[in-house]
Amino acid sequence: MYLLTIRDGLHTRHIGPYESPKQAADDLDRLLAQFGERSRWQIHALESPQMLLAAKPEPTERRALMVTAA
């Protein structure tokens, strides 16, 4: 699934979901007529939390900082 994000000034719109990036791009052509010339857009692939948690790398060792009072 894909999500279309359009930013126009301080407003951000999230539109979708779409089955393919082509579907989002087709809607983008129609939607940009409603926004200003300086609007920015991106097409994002949606990720499920389960996929991210399953692919999470092992945490690296953290070294403790020891502070001693003089």
N, C-alpha and C. Protein backbone atom coordinates (compact mmCIF):
# COMPACT_ATOMS: atom_id res chain seq x y z
N MET A 1 0.84 -1.17 0.00
CA MET A 1 0.00 0.00 0.00
C MET A 1 0.89 1.24 0.00
N TYR A 2 0.36 2.29 -0.61
CA TYR A 2 1.11 3.53 -0.74
C TYR A 2 0.26 4.70 -0.27
N LEU A 3 0.94 5.74 0.18
CA LEU A 3 0.29 6.94 0.71
C LEU A 3 0.88 8.15 0.01
N LEU A 4 0.02 9.07 -0.41
CA LEU A 4 0.44 10.31 -1.05
C LEU A 4 0.41 11.42 -0.01
N THR A 5 1.53 12.13 0.15
CA THR A 5 1.62 13.24 1.09
C THR A 5 1.87 14.52 0.30
N ILE A 6 1.00 15.52 0.50
CA ILE A 6 1.16 16.81 -0.16
C ILE A 6 1.28 17.89 0.91
N ARG A 7 2.36 18.68 0.82
CA ARG A 7 2.57 19.79 1.75
C ARG A 7 2.40 21.10 0.98
N ASP A 8 1.54 21.94 1.49
CA ASP A 8 1.30 23.24 0.88
C ASP A 8 1.34 24.28 1.99
N GLY A 9 2.46 24.98 2.10
CA GLY A 9 2.64 25.92 3.20
C GLY A 9 2.69 25.16 4.52
N LEU A 10 1.81 25.51 5.45
CA LEU A 10 1.77 24.85 6.75
C LEU A 10 0.82 23.66 6.78
N HIS A 11 0.13 23.40 5.68
CA HIS A 11 -0.84 22.31 5.63
C HIS A 11 -0.21 21.06 5.02
N THR A 12 -0.44 19.94 5.67
CA THR A 12 0.01 18.65 5.15
C THR A 12 -1.19 17.75 5.00
N ARG A 13 -1.33 17.16 3.85
CA ARG A 13 -2.45 16.24 3.58
C ARG A 13 -1.88 14.86 3.28
N HIS A 14 -2.52 13.84 3.86
CA HIS A 14 -2.16 12.45 3.62
C HIS A 14 -3.33 11.81 2.91
N ILE A 15 -3.10 11.31 1.70
CA ILE A 15 -4.17 10.80 0.86
C ILE A 15 -3.84 9.35 0.51
N GLY A 16 -4.82 8.49 0.61
CA GLY A 16 -4.62 7.09 0.26
C GLY A 16 -5.37 6.21 1.21
N PRO A 17 -5.13 4.96 1.24
CA PRO A 17 -4.03 4.21 0.63
C PRO A 17 -4.32 3.85 -0.83
N TYR A 18 -3.25 3.60 -1.56
CA TYR A 18 -3.29 3.18 -2.95
C TYR A 18 -2.64 1.81 -3.07
N GLU A 19 -3.08 1.05 -4.06
CA GLU A 19 -2.50 -0.28 -4.30
C GLU A 19 -1.12 -0.20 -4.94
N SER A 20 -0.88 0.84 -5.75
CA SER A 20 0.41 0.97 -6.44
C SER A 20 0.82 2.44 -6.48
N PRO A 21 2.12 2.70 -6.66
CA PRO A 21 2.56 4.09 -6.77
C PRO A 21 1.99 4.77 -8.02
N LYS A 22 1.69 4.00 -9.06
CA LYS A 22 1.10 4.58 -10.27
C LYS A 22 -0.27 5.17 -9.99
N GLN A 23 -1.08 4.49 -9.17
CA GLN A 23 -2.39 5.02 -8.81
C GLN A 23 -2.25 6.33 -8.05
N ALA A 24 -1.28 6.40 -7.13
CA ALA A 24 -1.04 7.63 -6.38
C ALA A 24 -0.59 8.75 -7.32
N ALA A 25 0.28 8.43 -8.28
CA ALA A 25 0.76 9.44 -9.23
C ALA A 25 -0.37 9.94 -10.11
N ASP A 26 -1.28 9.05 -10.49
CA ASP A 26 -2.43 9.47 -11.30
C ASP A 26 -3.31 10.46 -10.54
N ASP A 27 -3.56 10.19 -9.27
CA ASP A 27 -4.32 11.13 -8.44
C ASP A 27 -3.55 12.42 -8.21
N LEU A 28 -2.24 12.32 -8.09
CA LEU A 28 -1.42 13.49 -7.85
C LEU A 28 -1.61 14.52 -8.96
N ASP A 29 -1.64 14.08 -10.21
CA ASP A 29 -1.84 15.00 -11.32
C ASP A 29 -3.13 15.79 -11.17
N ARG A 30 -4.19 15.13 -10.74
CA ARG A 30 -5.48 15.81 -10.56
C ARG A 30 -5.48 16.70 -9.32
N LEU A 31 -4.83 16.26 -8.25
CA LEU A 31 -4.87 16.98 -6.98
C LEU A 31 -4.01 18.24 -6.97
N LEU A 32 -2.90 18.23 -7.68
CA LEU A 32 -2.00 19.39 -7.64
C LEU A 32 -2.65 20.65 -8.17
N ALA A 33 -3.70 20.53 -8.96
CA ALA A 33 -4.42 21.71 -9.45
C ALA A 33 -5.08 22.47 -8.31
N GLN A 34 -5.36 21.79 -7.19
CA GLN A 34 -6.02 22.41 -6.04
C GLN A 34 -5.02 23.08 -5.09
N PHE A 35 -3.73 22.84 -5.27
CA PHE A 35 -2.72 23.35 -4.35
C PHE A 35 -1.89 24.44 -5.03
N GLY A 36 -1.10 25.15 -4.23
CA GLY A 36 -0.26 26.22 -4.75
C GLY A 36 0.90 25.69 -5.59
N GLU A 37 1.56 26.62 -6.28
CA GLU A 37 2.68 26.25 -7.15
C GLU A 37 3.88 25.71 -6.38
N ARG A 38 4.00 26.11 -5.13
CA ARG A 38 5.17 25.71 -4.34
C ARG A 38 4.91 24.48 -3.49
N SER A 39 3.80 23.81 -3.70
CA SER A 39 3.50 22.62 -2.89
C SER A 39 4.50 21.50 -3.22
N ARG A 40 4.76 20.69 -2.21
CA ARG A 40 5.68 19.56 -2.36
C ARG A 40 4.91 18.28 -2.12
N TRP A 41 5.37 17.20 -2.72
CA TRP A 41 4.66 15.94 -2.58
C TRP A 41 5.65 14.78 -2.49
N GLN A 42 5.17 13.67 -1.91
CA GLN A 42 5.93 12.43 -1.84
C GLN A 42 4.96 11.27 -1.86
N ILE A 43 5.39 10.15 -2.41
CA ILE A 43 4.63 8.92 -2.35
C ILE A 43 5.41 7.97 -1.45
N HIS A 44 4.77 7.50 -0.39
CA HIS A 44 5.41 6.64 0.61
C HIS A 44 4.83 5.24 0.55
N ALA A 45 5.66 4.26 0.77
CA ALA A 45 5.18 2.89 0.96
C ALA A 45 4.78 2.74 2.42
N LEU A 46 3.57 2.25 2.66
CA LEU A 46 3.11 2.05 4.04
C LEU A 46 3.76 0.79 4.60
N GLU A 47 4.18 0.87 5.85
CA GLU A 47 4.79 -0.27 6.53
C GLU A 47 3.97 -0.58 7.77
N SER A 48 3.80 -1.84 8.03
CA SER A 48 3.06 -2.22 9.23
C SER A 48 4.02 -2.27 10.42
N PRO A 49 3.52 -2.02 11.62
CA PRO A 49 4.39 -2.10 12.81
C PRO A 49 4.99 -3.50 12.97
N GLN A 50 4.25 -4.53 12.61
CA GLN A 50 4.76 -5.90 12.75
C GLN A 50 5.98 -6.11 11.86
N MET A 51 5.96 -5.56 10.64
CA MET A 51 7.11 -5.71 9.74
C MET A 51 8.33 -5.00 10.29
N LEU A 52 8.12 -3.82 10.86
CA LEU A 52 9.25 -3.06 11.40
C LEU A 52 9.82 -3.73 12.63
N LEU A 53 8.96 -4.24 13.49
CA LEU A 53 9.44 -4.90 14.71
C LEU A 53 10.17 -6.20 14.38
N ALA A 54 9.72 -6.91 13.37
CA ALA A 54 10.36 -8.16 12.99
C ALA A 54 11.74 -7.90 12.39
N ALA A 55 11.93 -6.77 11.73
CA ALA A 55 13.20 -6.46 11.08
C ALA A 55 14.09 -5.59 11.95
N LYS A 56 13.70 -5.36 13.18
CA LYS A 56 14.46 -4.48 14.07
C LYS A 56 15.82 -5.09 14.40
N PRO A 57 16.91 -4.34 14.16
CA PRO A 57 18.24 -4.86 14.49
C PRO A 57 18.45 -4.92 16.01
N GLU A 58 19.34 -5.76 16.41
CA GLU A 58 19.66 -5.88 17.83
C GLU A 58 20.25 -4.57 18.33
N PRO A 59 19.86 -4.14 19.52
CA PRO A 59 20.42 -2.88 20.05
C PRO A 59 21.92 -3.03 20.30
N THR A 60 22.64 -1.96 20.04
CA THR A 60 24.08 -1.99 20.27
C THR A 60 24.34 -1.77 21.76
N GLU A 61 25.49 -2.20 22.20
CA GLU A 61 25.85 -2.02 23.60
C GLU A 61 25.99 -0.54 23.90
N ARG A 62 25.47 -0.15 25.00
CA ARG A 62 25.61 1.24 25.42
C ARG A 62 26.61 1.28 26.57
N ARG A 63 27.53 2.18 26.46
CA ARG A 63 28.52 2.31 27.52
C ARG A 63 28.03 3.33 28.52
N ALA A 64 28.07 2.96 29.75
CA ALA A 64 27.62 3.86 30.81
C ALA A 64 28.69 4.90 31.09
N LEU A 65 28.27 6.11 31.24
CA LEU A 65 29.19 7.18 31.58
C LEU A 65 29.18 7.33 33.09
N MET A 66 30.35 7.18 33.67
CA MET A 66 30.44 7.27 35.13
C MET A 66 30.99 8.64 35.51
N VAL A 67 30.28 9.31 36.37
CA VAL A 67 30.70 10.62 36.85
C VAL A 67 31.04 10.48 38.32
N THR A 68 32.21 10.92 38.67
CA THR A 68 32.62 10.83 40.08
C THR A 68 32.75 12.24 40.64
N ALA A 69 32.34 12.40 41.85
CA ALA A 69 32.46 13.71 42.50
C ALA A 69 33.87 13.83 43.08
N ALA A 70 34.44 15.00 42.97
CA ALA A 70 35.78 15.22 43.47
C ALA A 70 35.76 15.59 44.94
